[in-house]
Amino acid sequence: MTSSQNNKRIAKNTIALTLRMFFTMSIGIYSSRILLANLGVTDYGINNVVAGIITMFMFLNTSLINGTQRYLNFYLGKNNIETLNKVFSTSIHIFLLLAIFVAVLGETAGIYFLNTKLDIPKDRLIAANWLFQLTIISTFINIISTPYNALIIAKEKMTIFAYVSIANSIYLLLAALAIPYIPYDHLIGYAILIVTWHIIIRLFYSWYCSSHFKTIKYKFIFDKSLFKEMFVFSGWTLTGTFTYMTYTQGLTFLINIFFGPSVNAAQALAQQVNGSLNAFSANFMIATKPQITKYYAEGNLNEMHKLIFFSSKMSYAIMAIVSLPFIIRTDYILGLWLKEIPKHTAFFLQLYLIIAIINTLSSPAITAIHSTGKIKWFQIYESLVLILILPFSYLAIQIWNIPESCYIVTLILIILAQFIRIYFMKQLIELCITEYLKNIFCRMILSTLITLGLSLSINILIPNNFIGFCVESCICISIFSINFFFIGLTKAEQNIGIKFIQKKIFRK
């Protein structure tokens, strides 16, 4: 398949995932409102806290997903069907073991924590325990479904992934609406509806993979060397997952200890907005990651480098376009959303979004490094840099006594971590550091600074209301788009863009 065809498929998959995100996010917000109204505050809180217990035991899942995705993408790129079947079968065994491990933890430590440490009304404790058991079943089913999800993504069938996500959102809304009609305990009834749906999805994924990917079948085989290789790879990716979990949760604890829960509330609100906006660029990378690994497997480093540059620029641009209006009009957006805005929320949100824009460059780099399978020293050095966020944030608080200092430290160390990734791309895939800095860093930063300078100057003249926000957003997005085209893109990339626009607008 040609580079042009690959880019078209990536664009198609990105559009499918973005439409999915808009739909699921809209329905999800409304579903939460219905669920709260129909369960009531107490049961809604119990539902969330019980789910949180299981989430604590799921930190291994992310690393194993990344490992499975890498090996599926790699051997698809190699077109090695025999090994691909072994990878798929081995991944099913690995996730089955993980599901059993999480279930055992849930039935021991989870049950103990639920019944002795959590503040749950006595009259709802039995319902909470039933909910917990049903949540364990749902989690077990979700975990063993993961290899099928990974195979669908590796095959780049993102439209199916999008359809299932949309169907999931609709079902969750219907389940929330059905709560008043459940003839027994509403919390338990809702949990049963969720378990039923997870079973349906699990059966659908099995059917879809077996009927559409006929060359890839599960076989009860145990390849000891492959099992060990995948586990070792996942083990090293676990260091990155654990580091991220440690410094993000650690910052929450630091802010709580030094500034109290009211500042934690501001932090949580900023995180929520950041998470929603970050999903835009994340969708693009879901569609792009498989192809980066496949190029490496084919030995096509030239096309791999081009896709790294292209995906880095596009991820950055997507995040910048959706974030810059929020950075410029932070106070207005928060006032539109919240009745009472906790102190520090605006500055937190601005810092979060700046960090998120810069951090979009990490995903293509990490995917490229992971595609080689040689990740031991990369994970060690990257984790050492990122874990420094905690002690340096502590020192910053001691010196300046402001909570925002934590995220200024985070921004600096995340930039340093990106240089670590660039170095390893040079070592592992022969990517030119100078070309990366000139083609990505300099072009993106210059485009952003010019946009911010012009937009902030114009912002002074625009009224602070909804129409003003819409006008400012259009101006900001237009300025960035022009800067991105003429400054961010190379001549070759500009020509591709012009041809694409001409084809879409002037086609007969």
Protein backbone atom coordinates (compact mmCIF):
# COMPACT_ATOMS: atom_id res chain seq x y z
CA MET A 1 0.00 0.00 0.00
CA THR A 2 1.41 3.42 -0.99
CA SER A 3 2.18 6.29 1.39
CA SER A 4 -0.70 8.29 -0.13
CA GLN A 5 -3.15 5.44 0.50
CA ASN A 6 -1.89 5.08 4.08
CA ASN A 7 -2.38 8.81 4.70
CA LYS A 8 -5.94 8.64 3.28
CA ARG A 9 -6.73 5.73 5.58
CA ILE A 10 -5.29 7.59 8.57
CA ALA A 11 -7.43 10.65 7.69
CA LYS A 12 -10.56 8.50 7.31
CA ASN A 13 -9.92 6.75 10.64
CA THR A 14 -9.23 10.06 12.40
CA ILE A 15 -12.55 11.49 11.16
CA ALA A 16 -14.40 8.35 12.33
CA LEU A 17 -12.82 8.53 15.79
CA THR A 18 -13.41 12.29 16.10
CA LEU A 19 -17.10 11.93 15.21
CA ARG A 20 -17.28 9.11 17.74
CA MET A 21 -15.76 11.37 20.39
CA PHE A 22 -18.23 14.22 19.74
CA PHE A 23 -21.15 11.81 19.91
CA THR A 24 -20.03 9.85 22.97
CA MET A 25 -18.96 12.98 24.86
CA SER A 26 -22.32 14.68 24.24
CA ILE A 27 -24.35 11.62 25.24
CA GLY A 28 -22.01 10.90 28.16
CA ILE A 29 -22.58 14.33 29.70
CA TYR A 30 -26.36 13.91 29.42
CA SER A 31 -26.23 10.29 30.68
CA SER A 32 -24.35 11.39 33.81
CA ARG A 33 -27.09 13.89 34.55
CA ILE A 34 -29.85 11.25 34.09
CA LEU A 35 -27.92 8.67 36.13
CA LEU A 36 -27.48 11.12 39.01
CA ALA A 37 -31.17 12.03 38.95
CA ASN A 38 -32.41 8.41 38.82
CA LEU A 39 -29.95 6.84 41.26
CA GLY A 40 -29.83 9.74 43.69
CA VAL A 41 -26.75 11.37 45.16
CA THR A 42 -25.89 8.55 47.61
CA ASP A 43 -26.16 5.65 45.15
CA TYR A 44 -24.46 7.67 42.42
CA GLY A 45 -21.54 8.26 44.78
CA ILE A 46 -21.43 4.57 45.77
CA ASN A 47 -21.40 3.58 42.09
CA ASN A 48 -18.41 5.85 41.42
CA VAL A 49 -16.41 4.87 44.50
CA VAL A 50 -16.91 1.13 43.89
CA ALA A 51 -15.69 1.56 40.31
CA GLY A 52 -12.71 3.45 41.73
CA ILE A 53 -11.62 0.45 43.80
CA ILE A 54 -11.33 -1.73 40.70
CA THR A 55 -9.57 1.08 38.82
CA MET A 56 -6.77 0.98 41.42
CA PHE A 57 -6.04 -2.60 40.36
CA MET A 58 -5.99 -1.81 36.64
CA PHE A 59 -2.59 -0.11 36.36
CA LEU A 60 -1.13 -3.23 34.69
CA ASN A 61 -3.75 -3.17 31.96
CA THR A 62 -2.38 -0.10 30.14
CA SER A 63 1.12 -1.56 29.87
CA LEU A 64 -0.15 -4.90 28.60
CA ILE A 65 -2.39 -3.14 26.04
CA ASN A 66 0.61 -1.17 24.71
CA GLY A 67 2.67 -4.34 24.50
CA THR A 68 -0.03 -6.30 22.68
CA GLN A 69 -0.68 -3.42 20.26
CA ARG A 70 3.00 -3.15 19.41
CA TYR A 71 3.43 -6.85 18.62
CA LEU A 72 0.24 -7.05 16.55
CA ASN A 73 1.21 -3.94 14.55
CA PHE A 74 4.78 -5.21 14.09
CA TYR A 75 3.90 -8.63 12.69
CA LEU A 76 1.10 -7.20 10.55
CA GLY A 77 3.77 -4.95 9.03
CA LYS A 78 5.95 -8.03 8.52
CA ASN A 79 2.95 -9.86 7.02
CA ASN A 80 3.97 -12.81 9.19
CA ILE A 81 0.60 -14.52 9.70
CA GLU A 82 2.01 -17.49 11.63
CA THR A 83 3.68 -15.32 14.29
CA LEU A 84 0.71 -12.94 14.27
CA ASN A 85 -1.54 -15.85 15.27
CA LYS A 86 0.89 -16.73 18.06
CA VAL A 87 0.88 -13.11 19.29
CA PHE A 88 -2.92 -12.98 19.27
CA SER A 89 -3.27 -16.30 21.10
CA THR A 90 -0.53 -15.40 23.59
CA SER A 91 -2.15 -12.02 24.29
CA ILE A 92 -5.44 -13.78 25.10
CA HIS A 93 -3.58 -15.95 27.64
CA ILE A 94 -1.85 -12.90 29.14
CA PHE A 95 -5.07 -10.92 29.53
CA LEU A 96 -6.88 -13.94 30.95
CA LEU A 97 -4.17 -14.15 33.64
CA LEU A 98 -4.51 -10.40 34.27
CA ALA A 99 -8.31 -10.73 34.56
CA ILE A 100 -7.91 -13.52 37.12
CA PHE A 101 -5.31 -11.46 39.01
CA VAL A 102 -7.61 -8.40 39.16
CA ALA A 103 -10.57 -10.58 40.21
CA VAL A 104 -8.54 -12.16 43.05
CA LEU A 105 -7.35 -8.73 44.21
CA GLY A 106 -10.92 -7.48 44.09
CA GLU A 107 -12.28 -10.42 46.07
CA THR A 108 -9.62 -10.01 48.78
CA ALA A 109 -8.17 -6.51 49.17
CA GLY A 110 -11.12 -4.89 47.38
CA ILE A 111 -13.76 -6.52 49.59
CA TYR A 112 -11.79 -5.61 52.71
CA PHE A 113 -11.39 -1.98 51.59
CA LEU A 114 -15.07 -1.72 50.64
CA ASN A 115 -16.42 -3.04 53.95
CA THR A 116 -13.92 -1.55 56.42
CA LYS A 117 -12.47 1.67 54.98
CA LEU A 118 -15.13 3.31 52.83
CA ASP A 119 -17.86 5.51 54.25
CA ILE A 120 -21.01 3.78 52.94
CA PRO A 121 -24.40 4.03 54.71
CA LYS A 122 -25.21 0.77 56.52
CA ASP A 123 -28.53 0.38 54.73
CA ARG A 124 -26.70 0.46 51.35
CA LEU A 125 -23.80 -1.84 52.26
CA ILE A 126 -25.46 -5.00 50.89
CA ALA A 127 -26.29 -3.22 47.62
CA ALA A 128 -22.70 -1.90 47.46
CA ASN A 129 -21.36 -5.46 47.82
CA TRP A 130 -23.66 -6.72 45.06
CA LEU A 131 -22.53 -3.81 42.90
CA PHE A 132 -18.89 -4.66 43.64
CA GLN A 133 -19.34 -8.29 42.56
CA LEU A 134 -21.06 -7.24 39.35
CA THR A 135 -18.32 -4.66 38.70
CA ILE A 136 -15.67 -7.38 39.05
CA ILE A 137 -17.55 -9.47 36.45
CA SER A 138 -17.76 -6.45 34.10
CA THR A 139 -14.05 -5.73 34.56
CA PHE A 140 -13.14 -9.38 33.94
CA ILE A 141 -15.10 -9.36 30.66
CA ASN A 142 -13.56 -6.03 29.58
CA ILE A 143 -10.02 -7.27 30.21
CA ILE A 144 -10.41 -10.50 28.22
CA SER A 145 -11.94 -8.46 25.37
CA THR A 146 -8.79 -6.32 25.07
CA PRO A 147 -6.88 -8.51 22.55
CA TYR A 148 -9.87 -8.31 20.18
CA ASN A 149 -9.97 -4.50 20.52
CA ALA A 150 -6.22 -4.37 19.87
CA LEU A 151 -6.57 -6.53 16.75
CA ILE A 152 -9.32 -4.26 15.35
CA ILE A 153 -7.10 -1.19 15.93
CA ALA A 154 -4.04 -2.96 14.46
CA LYS A 155 -6.11 -3.78 11.36
CA GLU A 156 -7.09 -0.06 11.35
CA LYS A 157 -10.83 -0.79 11.33
CA MET A 158 -11.57 2.38 13.30
CA THR A 159 -15.11 2.73 11.99
CA ILE A 160 -16.09 -0.49 13.81
CA PHE A 161 -14.37 0.79 16.94
CA ALA A 162 -16.35 4.04 16.56
CA TYR A 163 -19.67 2.25 16.00
CA VAL A 164 -19.23 0.11 19.12
CA SER A 165 -18.35 3.20 21.19
CA ILE A 166 -21.43 5.03 19.93
CA ALA A 167 -23.63 1.99 20.62
CA ASN A 168 -22.09 1.81 24.09
CA SER A 169 -22.97 5.46 24.80
CA ILE A 170 -26.55 4.97 23.61
CA TYR A 171 -26.96 1.82 25.72
CA LEU A 172 -25.61 3.55 28.85
CA LEU A 173 -28.11 6.37 28.31
CA LEU A 174 -30.96 3.86 27.88
CA ALA A 175 -29.80 1.99 31.00
CA ALA A 176 -29.85 5.25 32.99
CA LEU A 177 -33.34 6.06 31.67
CA ALA A 178 -34.55 2.54 32.55
CA ILE A 179 -33.60 2.80 36.24
CA PRO A 180 -37.03 4.02 37.50
CA TYR A 181 -38.67 0.97 35.88
CA ILE A 182 -36.41 -1.61 37.58
CA PRO A 183 -38.70 -3.54 40.00
CA TYR A 184 -35.94 -4.20 42.57
CA ASP A 185 -32.92 -2.32 43.97
CA HIS A 186 -32.05 0.34 41.38
CA LEU A 187 -28.29 0.25 41.99
CA ILE A 188 -28.09 -3.54 41.61
CA GLY A 189 -30.44 -3.47 38.60
CA TYR A 190 -28.32 -0.85 36.85
CA ALA A 191 -25.17 -2.93 37.46
CA ILE A 192 -26.88 -6.01 35.95
CA LEU A 193 -27.75 -3.99 32.84
CA ILE A 194 -24.08 -2.96 32.51
CA VAL A 195 -22.80 -6.55 32.90
CA THR A 196 -25.28 -7.73 30.27
CA TRP A 197 -24.03 -5.10 27.82
CA HIS A 198 -20.37 -6.01 28.40
CA ILE A 199 -21.19 -9.65 27.61
CA ILE A 200 -22.90 -8.56 24.36
CA ILE A 201 -19.87 -6.44 23.34
CA ARG A 202 -17.50 -9.32 24.18
CA LEU A 203 -19.49 -11.70 21.94
CA PHE A 204 -19.65 -9.10 19.16
CA TYR A 205 -15.88 -8.54 19.16
CA SER A 206 -15.27 -12.31 19.02
CA TRP A 207 -17.71 -12.69 16.13
CA TYR A 208 -16.33 -9.70 14.21
CA CYS A 209 -12.68 -10.78 14.49
CA SER A 210 -13.41 -14.40 13.58
CA SER A 211 -15.59 -13.48 10.59
CA HIS A 212 -13.52 -10.58 9.19
CA PHE A 213 -9.95 -11.64 10.03
CA LYS A 214 -10.14 -15.26 8.92
CA THR A 215 -6.37 -15.77 8.86
CA ILE A 216 -6.08 -14.84 12.55
CA LYS A 217 -7.56 -17.42 14.89
CA TYR A 218 -7.14 -18.21 18.55
CA LYS A 219 -5.29 -21.47 19.17
CA PHE A 220 -4.49 -23.02 22.52
CA ILE A 221 -0.72 -22.82 22.15
CA PHE A 222 1.94 -21.69 24.59
CA ASP A 223 5.04 -20.14 23.06
CA LYS A 224 7.24 -19.67 26.11
CA SER A 225 9.76 -17.36 24.43
CA LEU A 226 7.06 -15.11 22.93
CA PHE A 227 5.15 -15.06 26.23
CA LYS A 228 8.33 -13.98 28.04
CA GLU A 229 9.22 -11.41 25.36
CA MET A 230 5.79 -9.78 25.49
CA PHE A 231 5.77 -9.79 29.28
CA VAL A 232 9.26 -8.22 29.46
CA PHE A 233 8.25 -5.52 26.95
CA SER A 234 5.07 -4.82 28.93
CA GLY A 235 7.11 -4.80 32.14
CA TRP A 236 9.31 -2.00 30.85
CA THR A 237 6.32 -0.01 29.59
CA LEU A 238 4.90 -0.49 33.09
CA THR A 239 7.69 1.74 34.44
CA GLY A 240 6.34 4.58 32.30
CA THR A 241 2.74 3.90 33.35
CA PHE A 242 3.73 3.70 37.01
CA THR A 243 5.81 6.89 36.76
CA TYR A 244 2.90 8.78 35.19
CA MET A 245 0.48 7.50 37.84
CA THR A 246 2.96 8.37 40.61
CA TYR A 247 3.68 11.96 39.60
CA THR A 248 0.07 12.84 38.67
CA GLN A 249 -1.37 11.43 41.90
CA GLY A 250 1.63 12.72 43.84
CA LEU A 251 0.95 16.29 42.67
CA THR A 252 -2.65 15.92 43.83
CA PHE A 253 -1.44 14.85 47.27
CA LEU A 254 1.15 17.65 47.43
CA ILE A 255 -1.47 20.27 46.58
CA ASN A 256 -3.84 18.76 49.14
CA ILE A 257 -1.19 18.75 51.89
CA PHE A 258 0.00 22.32 51.31
CA PHE A 259 -3.10 24.11 50.00
CA GLY A 260 -6.15 22.03 50.99
CA PRO A 261 -9.11 20.44 49.19
CA SER A 262 -10.43 23.69 47.70
CA VAL A 263 -7.33 23.92 45.49
CA ASN A 264 -7.75 20.20 44.66
CA ALA A 265 -11.22 21.12 43.37
CA ALA A 266 -9.68 23.74 41.07
CA GLN A 267 -7.14 21.16 39.93
CA ALA A 268 -9.87 18.57 39.21
CA LEU A 269 -11.95 21.03 37.17
CA ALA A 270 -8.93 21.99 35.08
CA GLN A 271 -8.13 18.31 34.55
CA GLN A 272 -11.67 17.64 33.34
CA VAL A 273 -11.54 20.35 30.66
CA ASN A 274 -8.03 19.32 29.65
CA GLY A 275 -9.06 15.68 29.33
CA SER A 276 -11.96 16.52 27.03
CA LEU A 277 -9.84 18.70 24.73
CA ASN A 278 -6.93 16.24 24.74
CA ALA A 279 -9.19 13.58 23.22
CA PHE A 280 -9.08 15.40 19.86
CA SER A 281 -5.37 14.82 19.24
CA ALA A 282 -5.54 11.40 20.93
CA ASN A 283 -8.01 10.24 18.25
CA PHE A 284 -5.54 11.18 15.54
CA MET A 285 -2.76 9.18 17.20
CA ILE A 286 -4.97 6.09 17.65
CA ALA A 287 -5.37 6.13 13.86
CA THR A 288 -1.65 6.79 13.22
CA LYS A 289 0.18 4.52 15.69
CA PRO A 290 -0.36 1.21 13.82
CA GLN A 291 1.19 2.59 10.62
CA ILE A 292 4.32 3.90 12.37
CA THR A 293 5.04 0.42 13.75
CA LYS A 294 4.23 -1.25 10.41
CA TYR A 295 6.72 0.99 8.58
CA TYR A 296 9.43 -0.07 11.06
CA ALA A 297 8.54 -3.74 10.60
CA GLU A 298 8.84 -3.29 6.81
CA GLY A 299 12.25 -1.64 7.27
CA ASN A 300 10.91 1.52 5.61
CA LEU A 301 12.59 4.08 7.88
CA ASN A 302 12.22 6.92 5.36
CA GLU A 303 8.40 6.70 5.34
CA MET A 304 8.47 6.12 9.10
CA HIS A 305 10.38 9.39 9.62
CA LYS A 306 7.93 11.26 7.37
CA LEU A 307 4.96 9.89 9.32
CA ILE A 308 6.60 10.81 12.65
CA PHE A 309 7.05 14.39 11.43
CA PHE A 310 3.54 14.53 9.94
CA SER A 311 1.80 13.01 12.98
CA SER A 312 3.78 15.22 15.40
CA LYS A 313 2.75 18.36 13.53
CA MET A 314 -0.88 17.32 13.11
CA SER A 315 -1.26 16.23 16.77
CA TYR A 316 0.25 19.53 17.89
CA ALA A 317 -1.94 21.54 15.49
CA ILE A 318 -5.17 19.77 16.48
CA MET A 319 -4.50 20.32 20.19
CA ALA A 320 -3.43 23.94 19.62
CA ILE A 321 -6.54 24.76 17.58
CA VAL A 322 -8.94 23.48 20.27
CA SER A 323 -6.88 24.82 23.20
CA LEU A 324 -5.72 28.32 22.25
CA PRO A 325 -9.22 29.92 22.45
CA PHE A 326 -9.58 28.40 25.95
CA ILE A 327 -6.15 29.73 26.97
CA ILE A 328 -7.01 33.25 25.77
CA ARG A 329 -10.59 33.34 27.16
CA THR A 330 -10.15 31.09 30.22
CA ASP A 331 -12.12 33.23 32.68
CA TYR A 332 -15.10 33.58 30.35
CA ILE A 333 -15.28 29.83 29.61
CA LEU A 334 -15.10 28.93 33.30
CA GLY A 335 -17.77 31.52 34.11
CA LEU A 336 -20.02 30.05 31.43
CA TRP A 337 -19.56 26.54 32.83
CA LEU A 338 -19.45 27.08 36.61
CA LYS A 339 -21.60 29.09 38.99
CA GLU A 340 -18.69 29.48 41.40
CA ILE A 341 -15.11 29.29 40.14
CA PRO A 342 -12.57 28.00 42.72
CA LYS A 343 -9.45 30.12 43.07
CA HIS A 344 -6.50 29.01 40.89
CA THR A 345 -8.76 27.19 38.37
CA ALA A 346 -8.00 29.57 35.48
CA PHE A 347 -4.20 29.45 35.83
CA PHE A 348 -4.31 25.68 36.39
CA LEU A 349 -6.29 25.22 33.18
CA GLN A 350 -3.95 27.43 31.15
CA LEU A 351 -0.91 25.50 32.41
CA TYR A 352 -2.61 22.14 31.80
CA LEU A 353 -3.41 23.09 28.21
CA ILE A 354 0.11 24.40 27.49
CA ILE A 355 1.55 21.14 28.88
CA ALA A 356 -0.94 19.13 26.80
CA ILE A 357 -0.03 20.99 23.59
CA ILE A 358 3.70 20.34 24.13
CA ASN A 359 3.06 16.76 25.22
CA THR A 360 1.31 15.88 21.94
CA LEU A 361 4.82 15.55 20.49
CA SER A 362 5.52 12.65 22.85
CA SER A 363 3.07 10.12 21.39
CA PRO A 364 4.61 9.74 17.89
CA ALA A 365 8.09 9.58 19.45
CA ILE A 366 7.13 6.95 22.04
CA THR A 367 5.31 4.89 19.38
CA ALA A 368 8.41 4.99 17.16
CA ILE A 369 10.71 3.90 20.00
CA HIS A 370 8.33 1.16 21.15
CA SER A 371 8.10 -0.17 17.59
CA THR A 372 11.77 -1.21 17.82
CA GLY A 373 11.15 -3.31 20.94
CA LYS A 374 14.38 -1.91 22.45
CA ILE A 375 12.84 0.12 25.23
CA LYS A 376 14.69 -0.82 28.44
CA TRP A 377 17.07 2.16 28.66
CA PHE A 378 14.58 4.56 27.13
CA GLN A 379 11.99 3.73 29.81
CA ILE A 380 14.61 4.04 32.55
CA TYR A 381 15.86 7.48 31.45
CA GLU A 382 12.40 8.85 30.65
CA SER A 383 11.03 7.65 34.00
CA LEU A 384 14.00 9.13 35.90
CA VAL A 385 13.31 12.55 34.34
CA LEU A 386 9.55 12.48 34.90
CA ILE A 387 9.70 11.20 38.48
CA LEU A 388 11.78 14.30 39.32
CA ILE A 389 8.55 16.29 38.92
CA LEU A 390 7.57 15.36 42.50
CA PRO A 391 10.71 16.43 44.45
CA PHE A 392 11.21 19.54 42.32
CA SER A 393 7.53 20.49 42.76
CA TYR A 394 7.97 20.10 46.52
CA LEU A 395 10.98 22.44 46.40
CA ALA A 396 9.06 24.92 44.22
CA ILE A 397 6.20 25.02 46.74
CA GLN A 398 8.68 25.58 49.57
CA ILE A 399 10.28 28.47 47.68
CA TRP A 400 7.27 30.24 46.09
CA ASN A 401 4.32 28.86 48.09
CA ILE A 402 1.94 28.84 45.10
CA PRO A 403 0.25 25.67 43.74
CA GLU A 404 0.81 26.65 40.10
CA SER A 405 4.57 26.20 40.61
CA CYS A 406 4.02 22.41 40.46
CA TYR A 407 2.85 22.64 36.86
CA ILE A 408 5.57 25.05 35.81
CA VAL A 409 8.04 22.39 37.03
CA THR A 410 6.02 19.74 35.15
CA LEU A 411 6.19 21.77 31.92
CA ILE A 412 9.99 22.12 32.14
CA LEU A 413 10.60 18.43 32.84
CA ILE A 414 8.16 17.27 30.14
CA ILE A 415 10.15 19.32 27.61
CA LEU A 416 13.35 17.70 28.93
CA ALA A 417 11.73 14.25 28.60
CA GLN A 418 10.97 15.02 24.94
CA PHE A 419 14.69 15.60 24.31
CA ILE A 420 15.34 12.15 25.83
CA ARG A 421 12.87 10.70 23.30
CA ILE A 422 14.52 12.56 20.41
CA TYR A 423 17.92 11.16 21.44
CA PHE A 424 16.59 7.59 21.47
CA MET A 425 14.90 8.07 18.09
CA LYS A 426 18.33 9.05 16.76
CA GLN A 427 19.90 5.91 18.27
CA LEU A 428 17.16 3.42 17.35
CA ILE A 429 15.64 4.59 14.04
CA GLU A 430 18.38 6.94 12.72
CA LEU A 431 16.19 10.05 12.93
CA CYS A 432 18.18 13.28 12.50
CA ILE A 433 18.00 15.39 15.70
CA THR A 434 18.75 18.67 13.88
CA GLU A 435 16.02 18.02 11.31
CA TYR A 436 13.52 17.16 14.07
CA LEU A 437 14.28 20.33 16.05
CA LYS A 438 14.17 22.52 12.94
CA ASN A 439 11.15 20.84 11.34
CA ILE A 440 9.04 20.30 14.47
CA PHE A 441 10.13 22.33 17.51
CA CYS A 442 11.05 25.59 15.79
CA ARG A 443 8.15 25.62 13.32
CA MET A 444 5.48 24.72 15.89
CA ILE A 445 6.69 27.12 18.59
CA LEU A 446 7.02 30.01 16.13
CA SER A 447 3.51 29.36 14.74
CA THR A 448 2.09 29.31 18.27
CA LEU A 449 3.87 32.44 19.54
CA ILE A 450 2.78 34.51 16.53
CA THR A 451 -0.80 33.29 16.97
CA LEU A 452 -0.85 34.12 20.67
CA GLY A 453 0.69 37.56 20.11
CA LEU A 454 -1.82 38.58 17.44
CA SER A 455 -4.83 36.95 19.15
CA LEU A 456 -4.13 38.57 22.53
CA SER A 457 -3.75 41.98 20.84
CA ILE A 458 -7.09 41.58 19.05
CA ASN A 459 -8.75 40.13 22.17
CA ILE A 460 -8.54 43.52 23.90
CA LEU A 461 -10.94 44.97 21.32
CA ILE A 462 -13.55 42.17 21.49
CA PRO A 463 -16.35 42.17 24.12
CA ASN A 464 -16.29 39.50 26.83
CA ASN A 465 -19.51 37.68 25.93
CA PHE A 466 -20.56 34.57 23.98
CA ILE A 467 -20.48 36.29 20.58
CA GLY A 468 -17.11 37.77 21.51
CA PHE A 469 -15.80 34.31 22.42
CA CYS A 470 -17.01 32.88 19.09
CA VAL A 471 -15.43 35.77 17.15
CA GLU A 472 -12.16 35.48 19.10
CA SER A 473 -12.09 31.69 18.57
CA CYS A 474 -12.60 32.07 14.81
CA ILE A 475 -9.86 34.71 14.62
CA CYS A 476 -7.46 32.65 16.74
CA ILE A 477 -8.08 29.44 14.76
CA SER A 478 -7.72 31.30 11.44
CA ILE A 479 -4.44 32.94 12.49
CA PHE A 480 -3.00 29.64 13.72
CA SER A 481 -4.14 27.77 10.59
CA ILE A 482 -2.44 30.33 8.33
CA ASN A 483 0.72 30.29 10.45
CA PHE A 484 0.70 26.50 10.58
CA PHE A 485 0.38 26.24 6.79
CA PHE A 486 3.08 28.78 5.89
CA ILE A 487 5.45 28.33 8.85
CA GLY A 488 4.66 24.91 10.31
CA LEU A 489 4.63 22.93 7.06
CA THR A 490 7.47 22.35 4.61
CA LYS A 491 7.02 23.16 0.90
CA ALA A 492 6.41 19.48 0.14
CA GLU A 493 3.76 19.26 2.88
CA GLN A 494 2.12 22.47 1.62
CA ASN A 495 1.87 21.02 -1.90
CA ILE A 496 0.23 17.86 -0.55
CA GLY A 497 -2.27 20.03 1.35
CA ILE A 498 -3.06 22.15 -1.73
CA LYS A 499 -3.59 19.06 -3.91
CA PHE A 500 -5.85 17.53 -1.27
CA ILE A 501 -7.98 20.71 -1.06
CA GLN A 502 -8.16 21.03 -4.86
CA LYS A 503 -9.24 17.40 -5.17
CA LYS A 504 -11.99 17.80 -2.57
CA ILE A 505 -13.32 21.19 -3.73
CA PHE A 506 -12.92 20.99 -7.50
CA ARG A 507 -13.54 17.30 -8.11
CA LYS A 508 -16.25 16.61 -10.65
